[in-house]
N, C-alpha and C. Protein backbone atom coordinates (compact mmCIF):
# COMPACT_ATOMS: atom_id res chain seq x y z
N MET A 1 -1.08 -6.29 10.75
CA MET A 1 -1.44 -6.95 9.51
C MET A 1 -0.21 -7.70 8.99
N ASN A 2 -0.41 -8.95 8.62
CA ASN A 2 0.68 -9.75 8.04
C ASN A 2 0.83 -9.40 6.57
N ILE A 3 2.06 -9.14 6.16
CA ILE A 3 2.32 -8.71 4.79
C ILE A 3 3.10 -9.79 4.07
N GLU A 4 2.60 -10.16 2.90
CA GLU A 4 3.33 -11.07 2.03
C GLU A 4 3.62 -10.30 0.75
N MET A 5 4.84 -10.45 0.25
CA MET A 5 5.24 -9.72 -0.95
C MET A 5 4.76 -10.47 -2.19
N LEU A 6 4.24 -9.72 -3.16
CA LEU A 6 3.86 -10.29 -4.45
C LEU A 6 5.11 -10.57 -5.26
N ARG A 7 5.14 -11.70 -5.92
CA ARG A 7 6.29 -12.05 -6.74
C ARG A 7 5.88 -12.47 -8.16
N GLN A 8 4.61 -12.81 -8.37
CA GLN A 8 4.16 -13.32 -9.66
C GLN A 8 3.91 -12.17 -10.64
N PRO A 9 4.53 -12.20 -11.81
CA PRO A 9 4.31 -11.14 -12.80
C PRO A 9 2.86 -10.98 -13.21
N GLU A 10 2.09 -12.09 -13.25
CA GLU A 10 0.68 -11.98 -13.66
C GLU A 10 -0.15 -11.21 -12.62
N MET A 11 0.24 -11.28 -11.34
CA MET A 11 -0.47 -10.51 -10.31
C MET A 11 -0.16 -9.01 -10.47
N PHE A 12 1.09 -8.68 -10.76
CA PHE A 12 1.44 -7.29 -11.00
C PHE A 12 0.66 -6.77 -12.21
N ALA A 13 0.59 -7.57 -13.27
CA ALA A 13 -0.13 -7.16 -14.47
C ALA A 13 -1.61 -6.92 -14.16
N ALA A 14 -2.20 -7.79 -13.35
CA ALA A 14 -3.61 -7.62 -12.97
C ALA A 14 -3.80 -6.36 -12.13
N LEU A 15 -2.83 -6.05 -11.27
CA LEU A 15 -2.96 -4.86 -10.43
C LEU A 15 -2.80 -3.56 -11.21
N PHE A 16 -2.01 -3.57 -12.28
CA PHE A 16 -1.87 -2.37 -13.09
C PHE A 16 -3.22 -1.95 -13.68
N ALA A 17 -4.10 -2.93 -13.93
CA ALA A 17 -5.42 -2.64 -14.49
C ALA A 17 -6.48 -2.43 -13.41
N ALA A 18 -6.11 -2.57 -12.14
CA ALA A 18 -7.08 -2.48 -11.04
C ALA A 18 -7.34 -1.02 -10.67
N ARG A 19 -8.29 -0.82 -9.78
CA ARG A 19 -8.60 0.51 -9.26
C ARG A 19 -7.38 1.07 -8.54
N TYR A 20 -7.34 2.40 -8.43
CA TYR A 20 -6.22 3.01 -7.73
C TYR A 20 -6.61 4.34 -7.12
N VAL A 21 -5.80 4.77 -6.18
CA VAL A 21 -5.88 6.12 -5.61
C VAL A 21 -4.52 6.77 -5.82
N GLN A 22 -4.54 8.07 -6.06
CA GLN A 22 -3.30 8.81 -6.35
C GLN A 22 -3.10 9.86 -5.27
N GLN A 23 -1.86 10.00 -4.82
CA GLN A 23 -1.48 11.04 -3.85
C GLN A 23 -0.09 11.50 -4.23
N ALA A 24 0.01 12.73 -4.69
CA ALA A 24 1.30 13.30 -5.11
C ALA A 24 1.92 12.38 -6.16
N GLU A 25 3.13 11.90 -5.92
CA GLU A 25 3.84 11.07 -6.89
C GLU A 25 3.53 9.59 -6.75
N PHE A 26 2.69 9.22 -5.82
CA PHE A 26 2.44 7.82 -5.52
C PHE A 26 1.05 7.41 -5.96
N ARG A 27 0.94 6.16 -6.38
CA ARG A 27 -0.35 5.58 -6.76
C ARG A 27 -0.46 4.24 -6.05
N LEU A 28 -1.60 3.98 -5.44
CA LEU A 28 -1.86 2.71 -4.77
C LEU A 28 -2.95 1.97 -5.54
N HIS A 29 -2.56 0.89 -6.21
CA HIS A 29 -3.52 0.03 -6.91
C HIS A 29 -4.02 -1.00 -5.90
N TYR A 30 -5.31 -1.34 -6.00
CA TYR A 30 -5.86 -2.30 -5.04
C TYR A 30 -6.95 -3.14 -5.67
N ARG A 31 -7.10 -4.34 -5.13
CA ARG A 31 -8.20 -5.24 -5.48
C ARG A 31 -8.26 -6.35 -4.44
N ALA A 32 -9.34 -7.09 -4.45
CA ALA A 32 -9.46 -8.22 -3.52
C ALA A 32 -8.62 -9.38 -4.04
N ALA A 33 -8.11 -10.15 -3.12
CA ALA A 33 -7.30 -11.31 -3.49
C ALA A 33 -8.18 -12.37 -4.15
N PRO A 34 -7.59 -13.24 -4.97
CA PRO A 34 -8.36 -14.35 -5.54
C PRO A 34 -8.97 -15.21 -4.43
N ALA A 35 -10.04 -15.88 -4.75
CA ALA A 35 -10.79 -16.66 -3.75
C ALA A 35 -9.91 -17.67 -3.03
N ALA A 36 -9.04 -18.35 -3.73
CA ALA A 36 -8.18 -19.36 -3.09
C ALA A 36 -7.26 -18.72 -2.07
N TRP A 37 -6.76 -17.52 -2.35
CA TRP A 37 -5.89 -16.82 -1.41
C TRP A 37 -6.69 -16.32 -0.22
N SER A 38 -7.91 -15.83 -0.47
CA SER A 38 -8.73 -15.25 0.60
C SER A 38 -9.08 -16.28 1.67
N GLU A 39 -9.32 -17.52 1.26
CA GLU A 39 -9.65 -18.56 2.24
C GLU A 39 -8.48 -18.80 3.17
N ALA A 40 -7.28 -18.80 2.63
CA ALA A 40 -6.09 -19.01 3.45
C ALA A 40 -5.83 -17.81 4.36
N ALA A 41 -6.24 -16.63 3.92
CA ALA A 41 -5.99 -15.42 4.70
C ALA A 41 -7.08 -15.14 5.72
N ALA A 42 -8.17 -15.89 5.70
CA ALA A 42 -9.28 -15.61 6.59
C ALA A 42 -8.90 -15.71 8.07
N ALA A 43 -8.05 -16.66 8.40
CA ALA A 43 -7.66 -16.86 9.79
C ALA A 43 -6.80 -15.70 10.30
N SER A 44 -5.89 -15.24 9.49
CA SER A 44 -5.03 -14.13 9.91
C SER A 44 -5.30 -12.94 9.01
N SER A 45 -5.08 -11.76 9.55
CA SER A 45 -5.27 -10.57 8.72
C SER A 45 -4.05 -10.43 7.82
N ARG A 46 -4.19 -10.91 6.61
CA ARG A 46 -3.07 -10.97 5.69
C ARG A 46 -3.36 -10.10 4.47
N CYS A 47 -2.31 -9.49 3.95
CA CYS A 47 -2.45 -8.78 2.69
C CYS A 47 -1.20 -9.03 1.86
N TRP A 48 -1.34 -8.86 0.56
CA TRP A 48 -0.23 -9.05 -0.36
C TRP A 48 0.14 -7.68 -0.91
N LEU A 49 1.43 -7.42 -0.95
CA LEU A 49 1.93 -6.11 -1.35
C LEU A 49 2.96 -6.24 -2.46
N GLY A 50 2.80 -5.42 -3.47
CA GLY A 50 3.80 -5.29 -4.53
C GLY A 50 4.30 -3.86 -4.54
N LEU A 51 5.57 -3.68 -4.81
CA LEU A 51 6.17 -2.35 -4.83
C LEU A 51 6.84 -2.13 -6.18
N VAL A 52 6.49 -1.02 -6.84
CA VAL A 52 7.08 -0.67 -8.12
C VAL A 52 7.67 0.72 -7.99
N ILE A 53 8.99 0.76 -7.82
CA ILE A 53 9.71 2.02 -7.64
C ILE A 53 10.77 2.07 -8.74
N PRO A 54 10.44 2.62 -9.92
CA PRO A 54 11.38 2.58 -11.04
C PRO A 54 12.61 3.45 -10.82
N LYS A 55 13.75 2.96 -11.29
CA LYS A 55 14.98 3.74 -11.21
C LYS A 55 14.88 5.00 -12.07
N LYS A 56 14.02 4.95 -13.05
CA LYS A 56 13.80 6.10 -13.93
C LYS A 56 13.35 7.32 -13.12
N PHE A 57 12.56 7.10 -12.08
CA PHE A 57 12.02 8.19 -11.27
C PHE A 57 12.77 8.39 -9.95
N CYS A 58 13.49 7.37 -9.53
CA CYS A 58 14.15 7.42 -8.23
C CYS A 58 15.48 6.67 -8.32
N LYS A 59 16.53 7.37 -8.68
CA LYS A 59 17.83 6.72 -8.94
C LYS A 59 18.49 6.13 -7.69
N PRO A 60 18.63 6.90 -6.61
CA PRO A 60 19.38 6.34 -5.46
C PRO A 60 18.65 5.17 -4.80
N ALA A 61 19.37 4.08 -4.60
CA ALA A 61 18.80 2.89 -3.96
C ALA A 61 18.32 3.22 -2.55
N VAL A 62 18.99 4.17 -1.90
CA VAL A 62 18.61 4.55 -0.53
C VAL A 62 17.18 5.10 -0.52
N ARG A 63 16.85 5.91 -1.51
CA ARG A 63 15.48 6.46 -1.59
C ARG A 63 14.47 5.36 -1.90
N ARG A 64 14.79 4.50 -2.84
CA ARG A 64 13.85 3.41 -3.17
C ARG A 64 13.60 2.54 -1.95
N ASN A 65 14.64 2.22 -1.21
CA ASN A 65 14.48 1.41 -0.01
C ASN A 65 13.68 2.14 1.06
N LEU A 66 13.87 3.45 1.18
CA LEU A 66 13.10 4.24 2.15
C LEU A 66 11.61 4.16 1.83
N ILE A 67 11.26 4.31 0.57
CA ILE A 67 9.84 4.25 0.16
C ILE A 67 9.26 2.88 0.48
N LYS A 68 9.99 1.84 0.17
CA LYS A 68 9.51 0.48 0.44
C LYS A 68 9.35 0.25 1.94
N ARG A 69 10.31 0.69 2.72
CA ARG A 69 10.26 0.51 4.18
C ARG A 69 9.08 1.25 4.79
N VAL A 70 8.84 2.49 4.33
CA VAL A 70 7.72 3.28 4.85
C VAL A 70 6.39 2.59 4.55
N MET A 71 6.23 2.07 3.33
CA MET A 71 4.98 1.41 2.96
C MET A 71 4.74 0.16 3.80
N ARG A 72 5.76 -0.66 3.96
CA ARG A 72 5.59 -1.88 4.77
C ARG A 72 5.25 -1.53 6.22
N GLN A 73 5.91 -0.52 6.77
CA GLN A 73 5.63 -0.13 8.16
C GLN A 73 4.23 0.46 8.30
N ALA A 74 3.81 1.23 7.32
CA ALA A 74 2.46 1.82 7.38
C ALA A 74 1.40 0.72 7.37
N LEU A 75 1.61 -0.32 6.60
CA LEU A 75 0.65 -1.44 6.59
C LEU A 75 0.66 -2.20 7.91
N ARG A 76 1.86 -2.39 8.48
CA ARG A 76 1.92 -3.07 9.78
C ARG A 76 1.20 -2.28 10.86
N ASP A 77 1.31 -0.96 10.80
CA ASP A 77 0.71 -0.09 11.81
C ASP A 77 -0.77 0.20 11.56
N LEU A 78 -1.30 -0.26 10.44
CA LEU A 78 -2.68 0.04 10.05
C LEU A 78 -3.66 -0.52 11.07
N ARG A 79 -4.54 0.32 11.55
CA ARG A 79 -5.57 -0.09 12.52
C ARG A 79 -6.94 0.21 11.92
N LEU A 80 -7.74 -0.83 11.83
CA LEU A 80 -9.10 -0.68 11.31
C LEU A 80 -10.06 -0.55 12.49
N PRO A 81 -11.21 0.08 12.27
CA PRO A 81 -12.22 0.12 13.34
C PRO A 81 -12.62 -1.29 13.75
N GLU A 82 -13.05 -1.45 14.99
CA GLU A 82 -13.43 -2.78 15.51
C GLU A 82 -14.54 -3.42 14.69
N THR A 83 -15.42 -2.61 14.14
CA THR A 83 -16.55 -3.14 13.39
C THR A 83 -16.25 -3.26 11.90
N ALA A 84 -14.99 -3.17 11.54
CA ALA A 84 -14.63 -3.21 10.12
C ALA A 84 -14.25 -4.61 9.68
N ARG A 85 -14.59 -4.89 8.46
CA ARG A 85 -14.18 -6.15 7.85
C ARG A 85 -13.55 -5.80 6.50
N LEU A 86 -12.43 -6.41 6.23
CA LEU A 86 -11.69 -6.10 5.02
C LEU A 86 -11.37 -7.39 4.30
N GLN A 87 -11.72 -7.46 3.02
CA GLN A 87 -11.34 -8.64 2.24
C GLN A 87 -9.82 -8.66 2.14
N ALA A 88 -9.26 -9.83 2.04
CA ALA A 88 -7.80 -9.94 1.90
C ALA A 88 -7.39 -9.15 0.66
N PRO A 89 -6.62 -8.08 0.85
CA PRO A 89 -6.33 -7.22 -0.30
C PRO A 89 -5.02 -7.55 -1.01
N LEU A 90 -5.00 -7.21 -2.28
CA LEU A 90 -3.78 -7.15 -3.06
C LEU A 90 -3.51 -5.67 -3.27
N LEU A 91 -2.35 -5.21 -2.86
CA LEU A 91 -1.99 -3.80 -2.97
C LEU A 91 -0.70 -3.67 -3.76
N MET A 92 -0.59 -2.59 -4.52
CA MET A 92 0.66 -2.29 -5.21
C MET A 92 0.91 -0.79 -5.11
N LEU A 93 2.01 -0.43 -4.48
CA LEU A 93 2.43 0.97 -4.40
C LEU A 93 3.35 1.24 -5.58
N ARG A 94 3.06 2.32 -6.28
CA ARG A 94 3.81 2.63 -7.49
C ARG A 94 4.22 4.09 -7.48
N LEU A 95 5.47 4.35 -7.77
CA LEU A 95 5.97 5.72 -7.93
C LEU A 95 5.73 6.10 -9.39
N THR A 96 4.99 7.18 -9.63
CA THR A 96 4.59 7.52 -11.00
C THR A 96 5.39 8.67 -11.60
N ARG A 97 6.10 9.42 -10.79
CA ARG A 97 6.97 10.50 -11.30
C ARG A 97 8.03 10.81 -10.26
N LYS A 98 8.98 11.65 -10.64
CA LYS A 98 10.10 11.96 -9.75
C LYS A 98 9.62 12.67 -8.50
N LEU A 99 10.32 12.42 -7.41
CA LEU A 99 10.07 13.14 -6.16
C LEU A 99 10.55 14.58 -6.33
N PRO A 100 10.01 15.53 -5.55
CA PRO A 100 10.45 16.92 -5.68
C PRO A 100 11.96 17.07 -5.51
N ALA A 101 12.53 18.01 -6.25
CA ALA A 101 13.98 18.23 -6.22
C ALA A 101 14.45 18.84 -4.91
N GLU A 102 13.54 19.34 -4.09
CA GLU A 102 13.93 19.98 -2.83
C GLU A 102 14.57 19.00 -1.84
N PHE A 103 14.37 17.71 -2.04
CA PHE A 103 14.96 16.71 -1.16
C PHE A 103 16.32 16.32 -1.72
N ARG A 104 17.36 16.98 -1.25
CA ARG A 104 18.71 16.73 -1.77
C ARG A 104 19.28 15.43 -1.21
N SER A 105 19.09 15.21 0.06
CA SER A 105 19.64 14.02 0.69
C SER A 105 18.62 12.89 0.62
N ALA A 106 19.11 11.70 0.31
CA ALA A 106 18.23 10.54 0.21
C ALA A 106 17.74 10.08 1.58
N ARG A 107 18.42 10.52 2.64
CA ARG A 107 18.05 10.09 3.99
C ARG A 107 17.56 11.25 4.84
N SER A 108 17.10 12.32 4.23
CA SER A 108 16.69 13.49 5.00
C SER A 108 15.39 13.22 5.75
N PRO A 109 15.26 13.79 6.95
CA PRO A 109 14.01 13.64 7.70
C PRO A 109 12.82 14.25 6.96
N ALA A 110 13.07 15.29 6.17
CA ALA A 110 11.99 15.92 5.41
C ALA A 110 11.45 14.95 4.35
N LEU A 111 12.33 14.22 3.69
CA LEU A 111 11.90 13.24 2.69
C LEU A 111 11.11 12.12 3.36
N LEU A 112 11.58 11.65 4.49
CA LEU A 112 10.89 10.60 5.23
C LEU A 112 9.48 11.06 5.62
N ALA A 113 9.35 12.27 6.13
CA ALA A 113 8.04 12.81 6.51
C ALA A 113 7.14 12.95 5.29
N TYR A 114 7.69 13.39 4.18
CA TYR A 114 6.92 13.56 2.94
C TYR A 114 6.36 12.22 2.46
N VAL A 115 7.22 11.21 2.43
CA VAL A 115 6.79 9.89 1.96
C VAL A 115 5.77 9.29 2.93
N ARG A 116 6.01 9.42 4.24
CA ARG A 116 5.04 8.91 5.23
C ARG A 116 3.67 9.55 5.05
N GLN A 117 3.66 10.87 4.88
CA GLN A 117 2.39 11.59 4.73
C GLN A 117 1.65 11.09 3.48
N ALA A 118 2.36 10.95 2.36
CA ALA A 118 1.73 10.52 1.12
C ALA A 118 1.20 9.08 1.24
N VAL A 119 2.00 8.19 1.80
CA VAL A 119 1.59 6.79 1.94
C VAL A 119 0.41 6.66 2.90
N ASN A 120 0.45 7.36 4.01
CA ASN A 120 -0.68 7.30 4.97
C ASN A 120 -1.95 7.86 4.35
N ALA A 121 -1.84 8.92 3.55
CA ALA A 121 -3.02 9.48 2.88
C ALA A 121 -3.59 8.46 1.88
N LEU A 122 -2.72 7.77 1.16
CA LEU A 122 -3.17 6.75 0.22
C LEU A 122 -3.91 5.62 0.94
N LEU A 123 -3.32 5.14 2.03
CA LEU A 123 -3.95 4.06 2.78
C LEU A 123 -5.29 4.50 3.37
N GLN A 124 -5.37 5.72 3.86
CA GLN A 124 -6.62 6.22 4.43
C GLN A 124 -7.71 6.29 3.35
N THR A 125 -7.36 6.77 2.17
CA THR A 125 -8.33 6.84 1.07
C THR A 125 -8.76 5.44 0.66
N TRP A 126 -7.81 4.52 0.58
CA TRP A 126 -8.13 3.14 0.23
C TRP A 126 -9.09 2.53 1.25
N ILE A 127 -8.83 2.76 2.54
CA ILE A 127 -9.71 2.22 3.59
C ILE A 127 -11.11 2.79 3.46
N GLU A 128 -11.22 4.10 3.24
CA GLU A 128 -12.53 4.73 3.10
C GLU A 128 -13.32 4.13 1.94
N ARG A 129 -12.63 3.71 0.90
CA ARG A 129 -13.31 3.15 -0.27
C ARG A 129 -13.66 1.68 -0.13
N THR A 130 -12.91 0.92 0.67
CA THR A 130 -13.07 -0.53 0.63
C THR A 130 -13.53 -1.20 1.92
N VAL A 131 -13.44 -0.54 3.05
CA VAL A 131 -13.79 -1.20 4.31
C VAL A 131 -15.30 -1.34 4.43
N ILE A 132 -15.69 -2.51 4.88
CA ILE A 132 -17.11 -2.81 5.12
C ILE A 132 -17.33 -2.80 6.62
N LEU A 133 -18.21 -1.94 7.10
CA LEU A 133 -18.51 -1.91 8.52
C LEU A 133 -19.62 -2.91 8.82
N ILE A 134 -19.38 -3.73 9.82
CA ILE A 134 -20.34 -4.76 10.22
C ILE A 134 -21.22 -4.18 11.31
N GLU A 135 -22.51 -4.29 11.12
CA GLU A 135 -23.46 -3.78 12.11
C GLU A 135 -23.50 -4.73 13.30
N ARG A 136 -23.39 -4.15 14.47
CA ARG A 136 -23.48 -4.98 15.68
C ARG A 136 -24.95 -5.10 16.07
N GLY A 137 -25.33 -6.31 16.45
CA GLY A 137 -26.70 -6.53 16.88
C GLY A 137 -26.94 -5.89 18.24
N SER A 138 -28.08 -5.23 18.41
CA SER A 138 -28.37 -4.60 19.71
C SER A 138 -29.00 -5.65 20.63
N ALA A 139 -28.47 -5.73 21.83
CA ALA A 139 -28.97 -6.74 22.78
C ALA A 139 -29.75 -6.09 23.88
């Protein structure tokens, strides 16, 4: 999946009011892209991603970058069923509270596994809610 980063403040504002799924400390807001964007994205599987990782909840830059990197990689690795159709999505990953204190090191493998598990669970829930399966004609 091709990922484009959201940069417009009005898109972030619209996503804060959009539907969301919550997993542990993370929240994934989602909605379909505006019609003008969807037409351009029809040829390639494109999605727009915004990341909101406040310093208030995650002070070390290393941790914030780890969360962002995991989310982008999870979207790149996302595989939909062959019969699935997905509208060009606008997604925003948001950290809503502090990560557990048990992760002392910002680069620990345990923290990486924790963030991967949470992000993958969010994406799976989002897919279950939004993917449209196309019926194949029987020949």
